[in-house]
N, C-alpha and C. Protein backbone atom coordinates (compact mmCIF):
# COMPACT_ATOMS: atom_id res chain seq x y z
N MET A 1 -9.47 -1.11 1.74
CA MET A 1 -10.06 -2.04 2.83
C MET A 1 -9.49 -3.25 3.20
N ALA A 2 -8.86 -3.85 4.27
CA ALA A 2 -9.13 -4.99 4.30
C ALA A 2 -9.00 -5.55 5.81
N PHE A 3 -9.41 -6.95 5.57
CA PHE A 3 -9.72 -7.60 7.21
C PHE A 3 -8.55 -8.28 7.34
N ASP A 4 -7.97 -8.29 8.86
CA ASP A 4 -6.95 -9.32 9.22
C ASP A 4 -7.74 -10.57 9.92
N ALA A 5 -6.94 -11.72 10.24
CA ALA A 5 -7.82 -13.37 10.33
C ALA A 5 -8.31 -13.07 11.84
N GLU A 6 -8.16 -12.40 12.65
CA GLU A 6 -9.15 -11.84 13.43
C GLU A 6 -10.08 -11.02 13.33
N GLY A 7 -10.32 -10.18 12.30
CA GLY A 7 -11.61 -9.71 11.56
C GLY A 7 -11.90 -8.26 11.87
N TYR A 8 -10.78 -7.68 12.53
CA TYR A 8 -10.28 -6.51 12.27
C TYR A 8 -10.69 -5.54 10.88
N LEU A 9 -10.75 -4.34 11.10
CA LEU A 9 -11.01 -3.60 9.73
C LEU A 9 -9.72 -2.79 9.78
N PHE A 10 -9.57 -3.15 8.56
CA PHE A 10 -8.07 -1.87 8.12
C PHE A 10 -8.08 -1.03 7.32
N ILE A 11 -8.24 0.63 6.97
CA ILE A 11 -8.85 1.53 6.10
C ILE A 11 -7.78 2.14 6.35
N SER A 12 -7.24 2.56 4.46
CA SER A 12 -6.38 3.43 4.46
C SER A 12 -6.89 4.71 3.69
N SER A 13 -6.11 6.14 4.05
CA SER A 13 -6.62 7.05 3.94
C SER A 13 -5.78 7.93 3.54
N GLY A 14 -5.56 8.48 2.19
CA GLY A 14 -4.66 9.34 1.70
C GLY A 14 -4.78 10.64 1.89
N GLU A 15 -3.80 11.32 2.03
CA GLU A 15 -3.87 13.24 2.63
C GLU A 15 -4.35 14.16 1.57
N ARG A 16 -4.79 13.83 0.76
CA ARG A 16 -5.43 14.77 -0.61
C ARG A 16 -4.64 15.72 -0.86
N GLN A 17 -3.33 15.86 -0.81
CA GLN A 17 -2.63 16.75 -1.20
C GLN A 17 -2.35 17.77 -0.56
N LYS A 18 -2.82 17.40 0.68
CA LYS A 18 -2.89 18.62 2.18
C LYS A 18 -1.54 18.61 2.71
N PHE A 19 -0.66 17.85 2.93
CA PHE A 19 0.45 17.65 3.50
C PHE A 19 0.08 17.61 5.27
N ASP A 20 0.26 18.44 5.64
CA ASP A 20 0.20 18.31 7.18
C ASP A 20 -0.82 17.21 7.53
N PRO A 21 -2.30 17.21 7.13
CA PRO A 21 -2.56 16.40 7.45
C PRO A 21 -2.32 14.79 8.15
N ALA A 22 -1.34 14.29 7.18
CA ALA A 22 -0.94 13.16 7.46
C ALA A 22 0.21 13.04 9.02
N GLN A 23 0.26 14.25 9.11
CA GLN A 23 1.23 14.17 10.89
C GLN A 23 0.08 14.62 12.07
N GLU A 24 -1.04 14.69 11.41
CA GLU A 24 -2.12 15.16 12.59
C GLU A 24 -2.83 14.13 13.32
N MET A 25 -2.64 14.37 14.47
CA MET A 25 -3.64 13.14 14.81
C MET A 25 -4.93 13.19 15.44
N THR A 26 -5.51 14.60 15.03
CA THR A 26 -6.77 14.92 15.32
C THR A 26 -7.69 14.93 13.91
N GLY A 27 -7.03 13.51 12.98
CA GLY A 27 -8.31 13.43 11.93
C GLY A 27 -7.44 12.21 11.31
N ASN A 28 -7.94 11.76 10.05
CA ASN A 28 -7.38 10.44 9.41
C ASN A 28 -7.37 10.49 8.31
N LEU A 29 -6.39 11.61 7.87
CA LEU A 29 -6.05 11.90 6.26
C LEU A 29 -4.85 11.50 6.70
N GLY A 30 -4.49 10.20 5.90
CA GLY A 30 -2.57 10.40 5.74
C GLY A 30 -2.93 9.28 7.01
N LYS A 31 -3.53 8.26 7.01
CA LYS A 31 -3.47 7.59 8.18
C LYS A 31 -3.92 5.99 7.58
N ILE A 32 -3.65 4.99 8.47
CA ILE A 32 -4.66 3.58 8.08
C ILE A 32 -5.05 3.42 9.34
N VAL A 33 -6.22 3.29 9.58
CA VAL A 33 -7.23 3.31 10.98
C VAL A 33 -7.21 1.80 11.09
N ARG A 34 -7.81 1.26 12.10
CA ARG A 34 -8.11 0.02 12.31
C ARG A 34 -9.48 -0.19 13.21
N LEU A 35 -10.52 -0.74 12.67
CA LEU A 35 -11.84 -0.96 13.37
C LEU A 35 -12.82 -2.39 13.38
N HIS A 36 -13.24 -2.42 14.99
CA HIS A 36 -14.15 -3.38 14.32
C HIS A 36 -15.03 -3.09 13.63
N ASP A 37 -15.72 -4.72 12.76
CA ASP A 37 -16.42 -4.70 11.83
C ASP A 37 -17.65 -4.00 11.97
N ASP A 38 -18.30 -3.32 13.34
CA ASP A 38 -19.37 -2.40 13.33
C ASP A 38 -18.76 -1.28 13.75
N GLY A 39 -18.06 -0.98 13.56
CA GLY A 39 -17.46 0.65 13.17
C GLY A 39 -16.71 1.46 14.73
N SER A 40 -16.84 0.03 15.86
CA SER A 40 -16.68 0.75 16.69
C SER A 40 -14.81 0.74 16.99
N VAL A 41 -14.27 1.25 17.81
CA VAL A 41 -12.50 1.16 17.56
C VAL A 41 -12.17 0.43 19.01
N PRO A 42 -11.04 -0.53 18.36
CA PRO A 42 -10.85 -1.46 19.57
C PRO A 42 -9.70 -0.85 20.73
N ASP A 43 -9.78 -1.63 21.54
CA ASP A 43 -8.84 -0.87 22.81
C ASP A 43 -7.86 -1.50 23.03
N ASP A 44 -7.28 -1.82 22.17
CA ASP A 44 -5.84 -2.33 21.77
C ASP A 44 -4.98 -1.18 20.76
N ASN A 45 -5.76 -0.26 20.22
CA ASN A 45 -5.12 0.61 19.48
C ASN A 45 -4.22 1.66 19.81
N PRO A 46 -3.15 1.64 18.77
CA PRO A 46 -2.26 2.43 19.97
C PRO A 46 -2.20 3.57 20.67
N PHE A 47 -3.25 4.66 19.96
CA PHE A 47 -3.67 5.88 20.61
C PHE A 47 -4.87 5.63 20.98
N PHE A 48 -5.46 4.83 21.85
CA PHE A 48 -6.89 4.87 22.19
C PHE A 48 -7.26 5.46 23.10
N ASP A 49 -6.13 5.11 24.43
CA ASP A 49 -6.43 6.49 25.13
C ASP A 49 -6.52 7.80 25.38
N ARG A 50 -6.51 8.44 23.94
CA ARG A 50 -6.80 9.74 23.17
C ARG A 50 -7.72 10.04 23.05
N GLY A 51 -8.56 8.85 22.59
CA GLY A 51 -10.24 9.30 21.96
C GLY A 51 -10.68 9.73 20.87
N ASP A 52 -11.89 9.70 20.88
CA ASP A 52 -12.07 10.36 19.56
C ASP A 52 -11.35 9.91 18.43
N VAL A 53 -11.14 10.56 16.67
CA VAL A 53 -10.60 9.80 16.13
C VAL A 53 -9.29 9.60 15.95
N THR A 54 -8.51 10.12 17.05
CA THR A 54 -6.86 9.51 17.06
C THR A 54 -7.19 8.20 17.04
N ALA A 55 -8.25 7.98 18.25
CA ALA A 55 -8.32 6.23 18.46
C ALA A 55 -8.19 5.51 17.52
N GLU A 56 -8.50 5.59 16.61
CA GLU A 56 -8.76 4.83 15.77
C GLU A 56 -7.76 4.57 14.99
N ILE A 57 -6.80 5.21 15.10
CA ILE A 57 -5.36 5.47 14.08
C ILE A 57 -4.30 4.12 14.55
N TRP A 58 -3.93 3.44 13.57
CA TRP A 58 -2.85 2.57 13.64
C TRP A 58 -1.87 2.77 13.29
N SER A 59 -1.55 3.10 11.61
CA SER A 59 -0.20 4.24 11.40
C SER A 59 -0.52 5.74 10.87
N LEU A 60 0.67 6.27 10.78
CA LEU A 60 0.13 7.98 10.61
C LEU A 60 1.36 7.85 9.74
N GLY A 61 1.12 8.88 8.91
CA GLY A 61 2.73 9.51 7.87
C GLY A 61 2.64 8.81 6.36
N HIS A 62 1.37 8.91 5.96
CA HIS A 62 1.19 7.97 4.57
C HIS A 62 0.87 9.04 3.92
N ARG A 63 1.40 8.98 2.52
CA ARG A 63 0.31 10.28 1.53
C ARG A 63 -0.79 9.47 0.67
N ASN A 64 -0.74 8.74 -0.37
CA ASN A 64 -1.51 7.94 -0.89
C ASN A 64 -1.31 6.50 -0.85
N PRO A 65 -1.80 5.99 0.35
CA PRO A 65 -1.93 4.52 0.15
C PRO A 65 -3.21 3.77 -0.11
N LEU A 66 -3.07 2.88 -1.61
CA LEU A 66 -4.34 2.67 -2.44
C LEU A 66 -4.35 1.00 -1.94
N GLY A 67 -2.98 0.33 -1.81
CA GLY A 67 -3.09 -1.16 -1.99
C GLY A 67 -2.62 -1.44 -0.52
N MET A 68 -3.70 -2.32 0.25
CA MET A 68 -3.46 -3.38 1.51
C MET A 68 -3.41 -4.69 1.16
N ALA A 69 -2.92 -5.68 1.66
CA ALA A 69 -3.12 -7.07 1.64
C ALA A 69 -2.39 -7.60 2.91
N PHE A 70 -2.76 -8.61 3.85
CA PHE A 70 -2.33 -9.03 4.22
C PHE A 70 -1.37 -10.45 4.22
N ASP A 71 0.06 -11.18 4.50
CA ASP A 71 0.57 -12.07 4.10
C ASP A 71 -0.16 -13.14 4.83
N ALA A 72 0.80 -14.33 4.55
CA ALA A 72 0.36 -15.76 5.31
C ALA A 72 0.53 -15.58 6.75
N GLU A 73 1.53 -15.01 7.05
CA GLU A 73 2.36 -14.41 8.57
C GLU A 73 1.28 -13.74 9.17
N GLY A 74 0.46 -12.61 8.43
CA GLY A 74 -0.50 -11.96 9.54
C GLY A 74 -0.04 -10.75 9.04
N ARG A 75 1.22 -9.75 8.32
CA ARG A 75 1.88 -9.06 8.32
C ARG A 75 0.97 -8.41 7.18
N LEU A 76 0.95 -7.05 8.23
CA LEU A 76 0.43 -5.71 6.61
C LEU A 76 0.90 -5.12 6.01
N TRP A 77 0.81 -5.23 4.35
CA TRP A 77 1.66 -4.34 3.55
C TRP A 77 0.78 -3.49 3.01
N ASN A 78 1.61 -2.31 2.55
CA ASN A 78 0.33 -1.50 1.46
C ASN A 78 1.45 -0.86 0.48
N THR A 79 0.94 -0.48 -0.43
CA THR A 79 1.60 -0.16 -1.78
C THR A 79 0.72 1.57 -1.57
N GLU A 80 1.52 2.52 -1.76
CA GLU A 80 1.63 3.80 -1.76
C GLU A 80 1.89 5.00 -2.53
N MET A 81 1.46 5.39 -3.31
CA MET A 81 2.08 6.82 -4.45
C MET A 81 2.76 7.70 -3.28
N GLY A 82 4.57 7.65 -4.02
CA GLY A 82 4.57 8.76 -3.39
C GLY A 82 4.53 10.07 -3.94
N PRO A 83 4.83 11.47 -3.73
CA PRO A 83 4.89 12.57 -5.03
C PRO A 83 5.11 12.55 -6.11
N LEU A 84 6.42 13.26 -6.70
CA LEU A 84 7.21 13.42 -7.72
C LEU A 84 8.28 11.92 -7.62
N HIS A 85 8.08 10.61 -7.93
CA HIS A 85 8.65 9.29 -7.99
C HIS A 85 8.78 9.25 -6.31
N GLY A 86 9.49 8.08 -6.14
CA GLY A 86 9.43 7.96 -4.72
C GLY A 86 8.03 6.82 -4.18
N ASP A 87 7.45 6.20 -4.98
CA ASP A 87 6.78 5.34 -4.45
C ASP A 87 6.80 4.54 -3.53
N GLU A 88 6.13 3.85 -2.81
CA GLU A 88 6.53 2.83 -1.61
C GLU A 88 5.25 1.06 -1.56
N LEU A 89 6.41 0.81 -1.26
CA LEU A 89 5.33 -0.61 -0.44
C LEU A 89 6.15 -0.55 0.89
N ASN A 90 4.87 -0.88 1.84
CA ASN A 90 5.40 -0.60 3.64
C ASN A 90 5.37 -1.95 3.70
N LEU A 91 6.17 -1.91 4.88
CA LEU A 91 5.18 -3.16 6.10
C LEU A 91 4.25 -1.84 7.37
N VAL A 92 3.67 -2.19 7.40
CA VAL A 92 2.69 -1.54 8.46
C VAL A 92 2.88 -1.95 9.54
N LEU A 93 3.30 -1.36 10.59
CA LEU A 93 3.28 -1.56 12.06
C LEU A 93 2.61 -1.14 13.19
N LYS A 94 1.88 -1.25 14.47
CA LYS A 94 1.11 -0.50 15.07
C LYS A 94 1.79 0.42 15.65
N GLY A 95 1.63 1.66 15.10
CA GLY A 95 1.55 3.10 16.12
C GLY A 95 3.00 4.23 15.55
N ARG A 96 3.52 3.14 14.32
CA ARG A 96 4.78 3.69 13.79
C ARG A 96 3.91 4.77 12.70
N ASN A 97 5.05 5.93 12.36
CA ASN A 97 4.84 6.56 11.52
C ASN A 97 5.92 6.66 10.65
N TYR A 98 5.27 6.86 8.90
CA TYR A 98 6.14 6.65 7.96
C TYR A 98 6.58 8.00 7.37
N GLY A 99 6.47 9.04 8.00
CA GLY A 99 7.08 10.36 7.74
C GLY A 99 6.90 11.07 6.96
N TYR A 100 5.33 10.83 6.04
CA TYR A 100 4.89 11.92 5.06
C TYR A 100 4.69 13.02 5.64
N PRO A 101 4.70 14.66 5.34
CA PRO A 101 5.67 14.76 4.24
C PRO A 101 6.76 15.55 4.38
N ILE A 102 7.29 14.89 5.93
CA ILE A 102 8.69 15.43 6.26
C ILE A 102 9.74 14.61 5.53
N VAL A 103 9.85 13.27 5.05
CA VAL A 103 10.59 12.73 4.41
C VAL A 103 10.00 12.02 3.29
N SER A 104 10.76 11.27 1.99
CA SER A 104 9.94 10.78 1.40
C SER A 104 11.03 10.77 0.48
N GLU A 105 11.34 9.46 -0.38
CA GLU A 105 11.50 9.04 -1.36
C GLU A 105 11.66 9.84 -2.33
N GLY A 106 10.76 10.24 -2.86
CA GLY A 106 10.50 11.58 -3.89
C GLY A 106 10.30 12.60 -3.73
N ASP A 107 9.84 13.37 -4.54
CA ASP A 107 9.75 15.14 -4.72
C ASP A 107 8.55 15.47 -4.73
N HIS A 108 8.24 17.32 -4.45
CA HIS A 108 7.47 17.79 -4.66
C HIS A 108 6.92 17.90 -5.80
N TYR A 109 6.16 17.72 -6.81
CA TYR A 109 6.13 18.07 -8.10
C TYR A 109 6.44 19.59 -8.54
N SER A 110 6.84 20.44 -7.38
CA SER A 110 7.20 21.52 -8.06
C SER A 110 8.64 21.82 -8.17
N GLY A 111 9.32 20.16 -7.71
CA GLY A 111 10.79 20.15 -7.69
C GLY A 111 11.54 20.13 -6.44
N GLU A 112 10.91 20.99 -5.30
CA GLU A 112 11.35 21.18 -4.21
C GLU A 112 11.84 19.82 -3.78
N LYS A 113 12.81 19.61 -2.78
CA LYS A 113 13.16 18.68 -2.28
C LYS A 113 12.95 18.04 -1.31
N ILE A 114 12.31 16.67 -0.97
CA ILE A 114 12.48 16.59 0.12
C ILE A 114 13.11 15.57 0.73
N PRO A 115 13.59 15.23 2.01
CA PRO A 115 14.37 14.50 2.85
C PRO A 115 14.17 12.88 2.92
N ASN A 116 15.09 12.30 2.41
CA ASN A 116 15.16 11.00 2.01
C ASN A 116 14.38 10.25 2.93
N HIS A 117 14.41 9.19 3.91
CA HIS A 117 13.86 8.48 5.37
C HIS A 117 15.79 8.17 5.52
N ASP A 118 16.44 8.18 5.14
CA ASP A 118 17.47 7.70 5.83
C ASP A 118 18.25 8.90 6.26
N THR A 119 17.64 10.27 5.97
CA THR A 119 18.01 11.29 6.92
C THR A 119 16.94 11.66 8.21
N ARG A 120 16.55 10.53 8.75
CA ARG A 120 15.62 10.72 10.22
C ARG A 120 14.75 9.18 10.46
N PRO A 121 16.10 8.27 10.94
CA PRO A 121 15.66 7.13 11.49
C PRO A 121 14.62 6.75 12.32
N GLU A 122 13.73 8.14 13.03
CA GLU A 122 12.69 7.93 13.75
C GLU A 122 11.56 7.34 12.56
N PHE A 123 11.45 7.35 11.22
CA PHE A 123 10.27 7.66 10.33
C PHE A 123 10.91 5.59 9.91
N GLU A 124 9.45 5.19 9.29
CA GLU A 124 9.81 3.87 9.14
C GLU A 124 10.10 4.42 7.56
N ALA A 125 11.23 3.74 7.03
CA ALA A 125 11.34 3.35 6.02
C ALA A 125 10.89 2.09 4.85
N PRO A 126 9.94 2.60 3.78
CA PRO A 126 9.72 2.01 3.09
C PRO A 126 10.49 0.79 2.81
N LYS A 127 10.06 -0.77 2.29
CA LYS A 127 11.02 -1.83 1.98
C LYS A 127 11.34 -2.09 0.54
N VAL A 128 10.50 -1.12 -0.10
CA VAL A 128 11.12 -0.92 -1.42
C VAL A 128 10.51 0.58 -1.90
N ALA A 129 11.51 0.69 -2.44
CA ALA A 129 10.70 2.50 -3.20
C ALA A 129 10.95 2.50 -4.49
N TRP A 130 10.28 2.87 -5.12
CA TRP A 130 10.41 3.09 -6.98
C TRP A 130 10.83 4.47 -7.20
N VAL A 131 11.81 4.52 -7.83
CA VAL A 131 12.17 5.73 -8.58
C VAL A 131 12.98 5.27 -9.68
N PRO A 132 12.42 6.20 -11.29
CA PRO A 132 11.01 6.85 -11.32
C PRO A 132 9.59 6.01 -10.88
N THR A 133 8.63 6.54 -10.82
CA THR A 133 7.60 5.66 -10.07
C THR A 133 6.63 4.61 -11.21
N ILE A 134 5.79 3.86 -10.51
CA ILE A 134 5.44 3.83 -11.24
C ILE A 134 3.88 3.26 -10.78
N ALA A 135 3.38 4.38 -10.03
CA ALA A 135 2.28 4.65 -9.85
C ALA A 135 1.48 3.03 -9.06
N PRO A 136 1.72 2.26 -8.18
CA PRO A 136 0.65 1.61 -7.75
C PRO A 136 -0.44 1.66 -7.53
N ALA A 137 -1.47 0.87 -7.74
CA ALA A 137 -2.88 1.09 -7.33
C ALA A 137 -3.43 0.58 -6.37
N ASN A 138 -3.77 -0.94 -6.73
CA ASN A 138 -4.08 -2.51 -5.71
C ASN A 138 -3.22 -2.88 -5.75
N MET A 139 -3.03 -3.79 -4.48
CA MET A 139 -2.42 -5.07 -4.45
C MET A 139 -2.85 -6.04 -4.03
N ILE A 140 -2.08 -7.36 -4.28
CA ILE A 140 -2.82 -8.62 -3.69
C ILE A 140 -1.46 -9.53 -3.29
N ILE A 141 -2.03 -10.13 -2.54
CA ILE A 141 -0.65 -11.52 -2.01
C ILE A 141 -1.15 -12.93 -2.63
N TYR A 142 -0.59 -13.40 -3.58
CA TYR A 142 -1.38 -14.30 -4.24
C TYR A 142 -1.12 -15.82 -3.89
N SER A 143 -2.29 -16.10 -3.92
CA SER A 143 -2.37 -17.69 -3.31
C SER A 143 -3.49 -18.79 -3.57
N GLY A 144 -2.92 -19.16 -5.01
CA GLY A 144 -3.54 -19.60 -5.58
C GLY A 144 -2.78 -21.23 -6.15
N GLU A 145 -3.80 -21.88 -7.39
CA GLU A 145 -2.89 -23.19 -7.77
C GLU A 145 -2.04 -23.00 -9.23
N PRO A 146 -3.31 -21.98 -10.11
CA PRO A 146 -2.82 -21.94 -11.39
C PRO A 146 -1.11 -20.95 -11.27
N PHE A 147 -0.77 -20.23 -10.82
CA PHE A 147 0.31 -19.92 -10.37
C PHE A 147 1.19 -19.98 -9.34
N GLN A 148 1.36 -21.22 -8.90
CA GLN A 148 1.88 -21.90 -7.78
C GLN A 148 2.99 -21.19 -7.49
N GLN A 149 3.90 -20.71 -8.68
CA GLN A 149 5.58 -20.15 -8.40
C GLN A 149 5.23 -18.74 -7.66
N TRP A 150 3.86 -18.22 -7.34
CA TRP A 150 3.96 -17.01 -7.13
C TRP A 150 3.31 -16.62 -6.08
N ASN A 151 3.05 -17.95 -5.65
CA ASN A 151 2.46 -18.23 -4.04
C ASN A 151 3.27 -17.58 -2.94
N GLY A 152 2.47 -16.38 -2.17
CA GLY A 152 3.19 -15.78 -1.03
C GLY A 152 3.79 -14.14 -1.88
N SER A 153 3.79 -14.49 -3.49
CA SER A 153 4.36 -13.07 -3.54
C SER A 153 2.54 -11.80 -3.65
N ALA A 154 3.87 -10.45 -3.56
CA ALA A 154 2.72 -9.52 -4.15
C ALA A 154 2.69 -9.74 -5.26
N LEU A 155 1.46 -9.16 -5.60
CA LEU A 155 1.45 -8.74 -7.52
C LEU A 155 0.53 -7.26 -7.39
N ILE A 156 1.14 -6.11 -8.20
CA ILE A 156 1.26 -4.67 -7.53
C ILE A 156 0.64 -4.64 -9.27
N ALA A 157 -0.89 -3.91 -9.48
CA ALA A 157 -0.88 -2.90 -10.09
C ALA A 157 -0.78 -1.80 -10.64
N GLY A 158 0.34 -1.58 -11.51
CA GLY A 158 0.90 -0.42 -11.75
C GLY A 158 0.55 0.54 -13.54
N LEU A 159 0.00 1.71 -12.65
CA LEU A 159 -0.35 2.74 -13.40
C LEU A 159 0.51 3.21 -14.46
N ALA A 160 1.73 4.11 -13.78
CA ALA A 160 2.75 4.85 -14.86
C ALA A 160 3.56 3.98 -15.72
N SER A 161 3.08 2.46 -14.71
CA SER A 161 4.41 1.90 -15.27
C SER A 161 3.83 0.58 -16.52
N ARG A 162 2.21 1.07 -16.46
CA ARG A 162 1.66 -0.20 -17.18
C ARG A 162 2.33 -1.22 -17.20
N ALA A 163 2.30 -2.08 -15.90
CA ALA A 163 2.61 -3.17 -15.60
C ALA A 163 2.28 -3.76 -14.67
N ILE A 164 2.60 -4.71 -14.24
CA ILE A 164 2.10 -5.68 -13.09
C ILE A 164 3.22 -5.86 -12.52
N ILE A 165 3.56 -5.80 -11.35
CA ILE A 165 5.02 -6.29 -10.27
C ILE A 165 4.50 -7.07 -9.94
N ARG A 166 5.20 -8.31 -9.75
CA ARG A 166 5.65 -9.20 -8.47
C ARG A 166 6.73 -8.38 -7.97
N VAL A 167 6.28 -8.61 -6.10
CA VAL A 167 7.10 -8.38 -5.32
C VAL A 167 7.35 -9.85 -4.35
N GLU A 168 8.53 -10.52 -4.06
CA GLU A 168 9.05 -11.48 -3.02
C GLU A 168 9.51 -10.59 -1.98
N PHE A 169 8.71 -11.66 -0.79
CA PHE A 169 9.15 -11.25 0.72
C PHE A 169 9.81 -12.00 1.00
N ASP A 170 11.11 -11.56 2.06
CA ASP A 170 11.73 -12.82 3.26
C ASP A 170 11.63 -12.53 4.01
N GLY A 171 10.65 -12.34 5.17
CA GLY A 171 10.17 -12.54 6.24
C GLY A 171 9.78 -10.78 6.13
N GLU A 172 10.20 -9.93 6.69
CA GLU A 172 9.65 -8.37 6.68
C GLU A 172 11.10 -7.71 5.29
N GLN A 173 11.46 -8.46 5.03
CA GLN A 173 12.47 -7.68 3.44
C GLN A 173 11.42 -8.02 2.74
N ALA A 174 11.79 -7.47 1.14
CA ALA A 174 10.78 -7.32 0.11
C ALA A 174 12.04 -7.26 -1.14
N ARG A 175 11.59 -7.57 -2.73
CA ARG A 175 12.08 -6.95 -3.19
C ARG A 175 11.56 -7.22 -4.45
N GLU A 176 11.35 -6.31 -5.59
CA GLU A 176 10.80 -6.53 -6.58
C GLU A 176 11.62 -7.54 -7.43
N ALA A 177 10.49 -8.91 -7.88
CA ALA A 177 10.89 -9.80 -8.40
C ALA A 177 10.90 -10.58 -10.28
N GLU A 178 10.20 -9.31 -10.53
CA GLU A 178 9.25 -9.45 -11.92
C GLU A 178 8.50 -8.53 -12.28
N ARG A 179 8.54 -8.11 -13.27
CA ARG A 179 7.97 -6.64 -13.71
C ARG A 179 6.76 -7.22 -15.56
N TYR A 180 5.99 -7.46 -15.18
CA TYR A 180 5.08 -7.98 -16.95
C TYR A 180 4.63 -6.88 -17.65
N GLU A 181 5.04 -6.35 -18.76
CA GLU A 181 4.82 -5.29 -19.45
C GLU A 181 3.28 -6.11 -19.89
N MET A 182 2.60 -5.07 -19.78
CA MET A 182 1.32 -4.98 -20.10
C MET A 182 0.52 -4.27 -21.27
N GLY A 183 1.23 -3.32 -21.19
CA GLY A 183 0.92 -1.88 -22.54
C GLY A 183 -0.40 -0.84 -22.42
N ALA A 184 -0.74 -1.14 -21.32
CA ALA A 184 -2.05 -0.02 -20.71
C ALA A 184 -1.53 -0.08 -19.12
N ARG A 185 -2.37 1.51 -18.65
CA ARG A 185 -2.15 1.39 -17.40
C ARG A 185 -3.05 0.37 -16.83
N ILE A 186 -2.55 -0.34 -15.43
CA ILE A 186 -3.32 -1.07 -15.09
C ILE A 186 -4.04 -0.90 -13.20
N ARG A 187 -5.38 -0.29 -13.74
CA ARG A 187 -5.92 -0.44 -12.30
C ARG A 187 -5.60 -1.30 -11.48
N GLU A 188 -6.24 -2.56 -11.57
CA GLU A 188 -6.11 -3.36 -10.63
C GLU A 188 -6.29 -5.23 -11.05
N VAL A 189 -5.34 -5.39 -10.00
CA VAL A 189 -5.35 -7.17 -10.11
C VAL A 189 -5.94 -7.91 -9.19
N GLU A 190 -6.67 -8.50 -9.53
CA GLU A 190 -7.74 -9.65 -8.71
C GLU A 190 -7.35 -11.20 -8.39
N GLN A 191 -7.45 -12.07 -7.65
CA GLN A 191 -7.29 -13.47 -8.10
C GLN A 191 -8.50 -14.27 -7.71
N GLY A 192 -9.22 -14.49 -8.65
CA GLY A 192 -10.55 -15.26 -8.82
C GLY A 192 -10.42 -16.32 -7.91
N PRO A 193 -11.68 -17.07 -7.45
CA PRO A 193 -11.76 -17.89 -6.73
C PRO A 193 -11.41 -19.47 -7.36
N ASP A 194 -10.90 -19.41 -8.50
CA ASP A 194 -10.22 -20.70 -9.30
C ASP A 194 -8.61 -20.41 -9.20
N GLY A 195 -8.43 -19.17 -8.51
CA GLY A 195 -6.93 -18.95 -8.71
C GLY A 195 -6.16 -17.96 -9.99
N ASN A 196 -6.69 -17.75 -10.90
CA ASN A 196 -6.57 -17.27 -11.73
C ASN A 196 -6.74 -15.73 -11.83
N LEU A 197 -6.15 -14.86 -12.37
CA LEU A 197 -6.40 -13.67 -12.32
C LEU A 197 -6.60 -12.53 -13.47
N TRP A 198 -7.71 -11.68 -12.43
CA TRP A 198 -8.16 -10.91 -13.36
C TRP A 198 -7.57 -9.65 -13.18
N VAL A 199 -7.81 -8.55 -14.43
CA VAL A 199 -6.99 -7.57 -14.70
C VAL A 199 -7.81 -6.33 -15.09
N LEU A 200 -7.68 -5.07 -14.76
CA LEU A 200 -8.31 -4.36 -15.45
C LEU A 200 -7.80 -3.08 -15.53
N GLU A 201 -7.80 -2.51 -16.98
CA GLU A 201 -6.99 -1.42 -17.21
C GLU A 201 -7.76 -0.30 -17.47
N ASP A 202 -6.92 0.92 -17.26
CA ASP A 202 -7.28 2.38 -17.11
C ASP A 202 -6.91 2.93 -18.03
N ARG A 203 -8.32 2.77 -18.89
CA ARG A 203 -8.27 3.70 -20.27
C ARG A 203 -8.82 3.92 -20.75
N ASP A 204 -9.91 4.91 -21.51
CA ASP A 204 -10.98 4.71 -22.77
C ASP A 204 -11.22 3.32 -23.23
N GLY A 205 -12.61 3.05 -22.91
CA GLY A 205 -12.14 1.33 -23.86
C GLY A 205 -11.52 0.03 -23.08
N GLY A 206 -11.01 0.55 -21.52
CA GLY A 206 -10.36 0.06 -21.21
C GLY A 206 -11.14 -2.04 -21.10
N ARG A 207 -10.26 -2.99 -20.81
CA ARG A 207 -10.17 -4.20 -20.88
C ARG A 207 -10.14 -4.87 -19.33
N LEU A 208 -11.16 -5.54 -19.56
CA LEU A 208 -10.85 -6.59 -18.07
C LEU A 208 -10.26 -8.01 -18.64
N LEU A 209 -9.03 -7.89 -18.11
CA LEU A 209 -8.55 -9.16 -18.72
C LEU A 209 -8.78 -10.28 -17.73
N LYS A 210 -8.60 -11.83 -18.53
CA LYS A 210 -8.54 -12.68 -17.35
C LYS A 210 -7.19 -13.52 -17.71
N LEU A 211 -6.15 -13.94 -16.49
CA LEU A 211 -4.88 -14.69 -17.11
C LEU A 211 -4.91 -15.82 -17.11
N THR A 212 -4.27 -16.69 -17.19
CA THR A 212 -4.25 -17.99 -17.22
C THR A 212 -3.25 -18.40 -17.11
N PRO A 213 -2.43 -19.47 -16.77
CA PRO A 213 -1.09 -20.41 -17.42
C PRO A 213 -1.09 -20.58 -18.88
N ARG A 214 0.39 -20.05 -19.55
CA ARG A 214 0.30 -21.46 -20.74
C ARG A 214 -0.14 -22.53 -20.82
């Protein structure tokens, strides 16, 4: 979940490995939805005139969107686990279709190929795609004092990569800038009130770590 500067609530939902729901307009699986904070539907949502659940949809064609954050310019970004590889960082735009399961930068776990985004330009392609997988969990966009050199960068918790991945933005473009090996699956990274970072490991006996500058 993420709130924008105007107080609208954005909620992401995976397709639960059922594939087709990500493209079906009658449900909210595989979607990002936009609501008022009281649960009502804004009348400027892209599919508002269709009513019911469809009215809630902001974007569709998502597989497993776990992380969402707004940058300083109000742009919404999300991290998304691909199938077999093909994890994504997307710029989430009103009414756009991100293509899953019709296209992906990864393949099915069975090994069956999925066409890449460049074969179907009507679908929004990721700004960054990871092959092999990083298994992105949550994401923040840093805005603190202790790590000033990271201000405006995304920090992504990596499960399979066992790392924190830093992504730099240039307007509507993005690139991986650095990868910080952590030696464990990373479930979550958060910025504390003082700007220092809190990192949660994903394992038996996993630790909650506080990161501060040297």
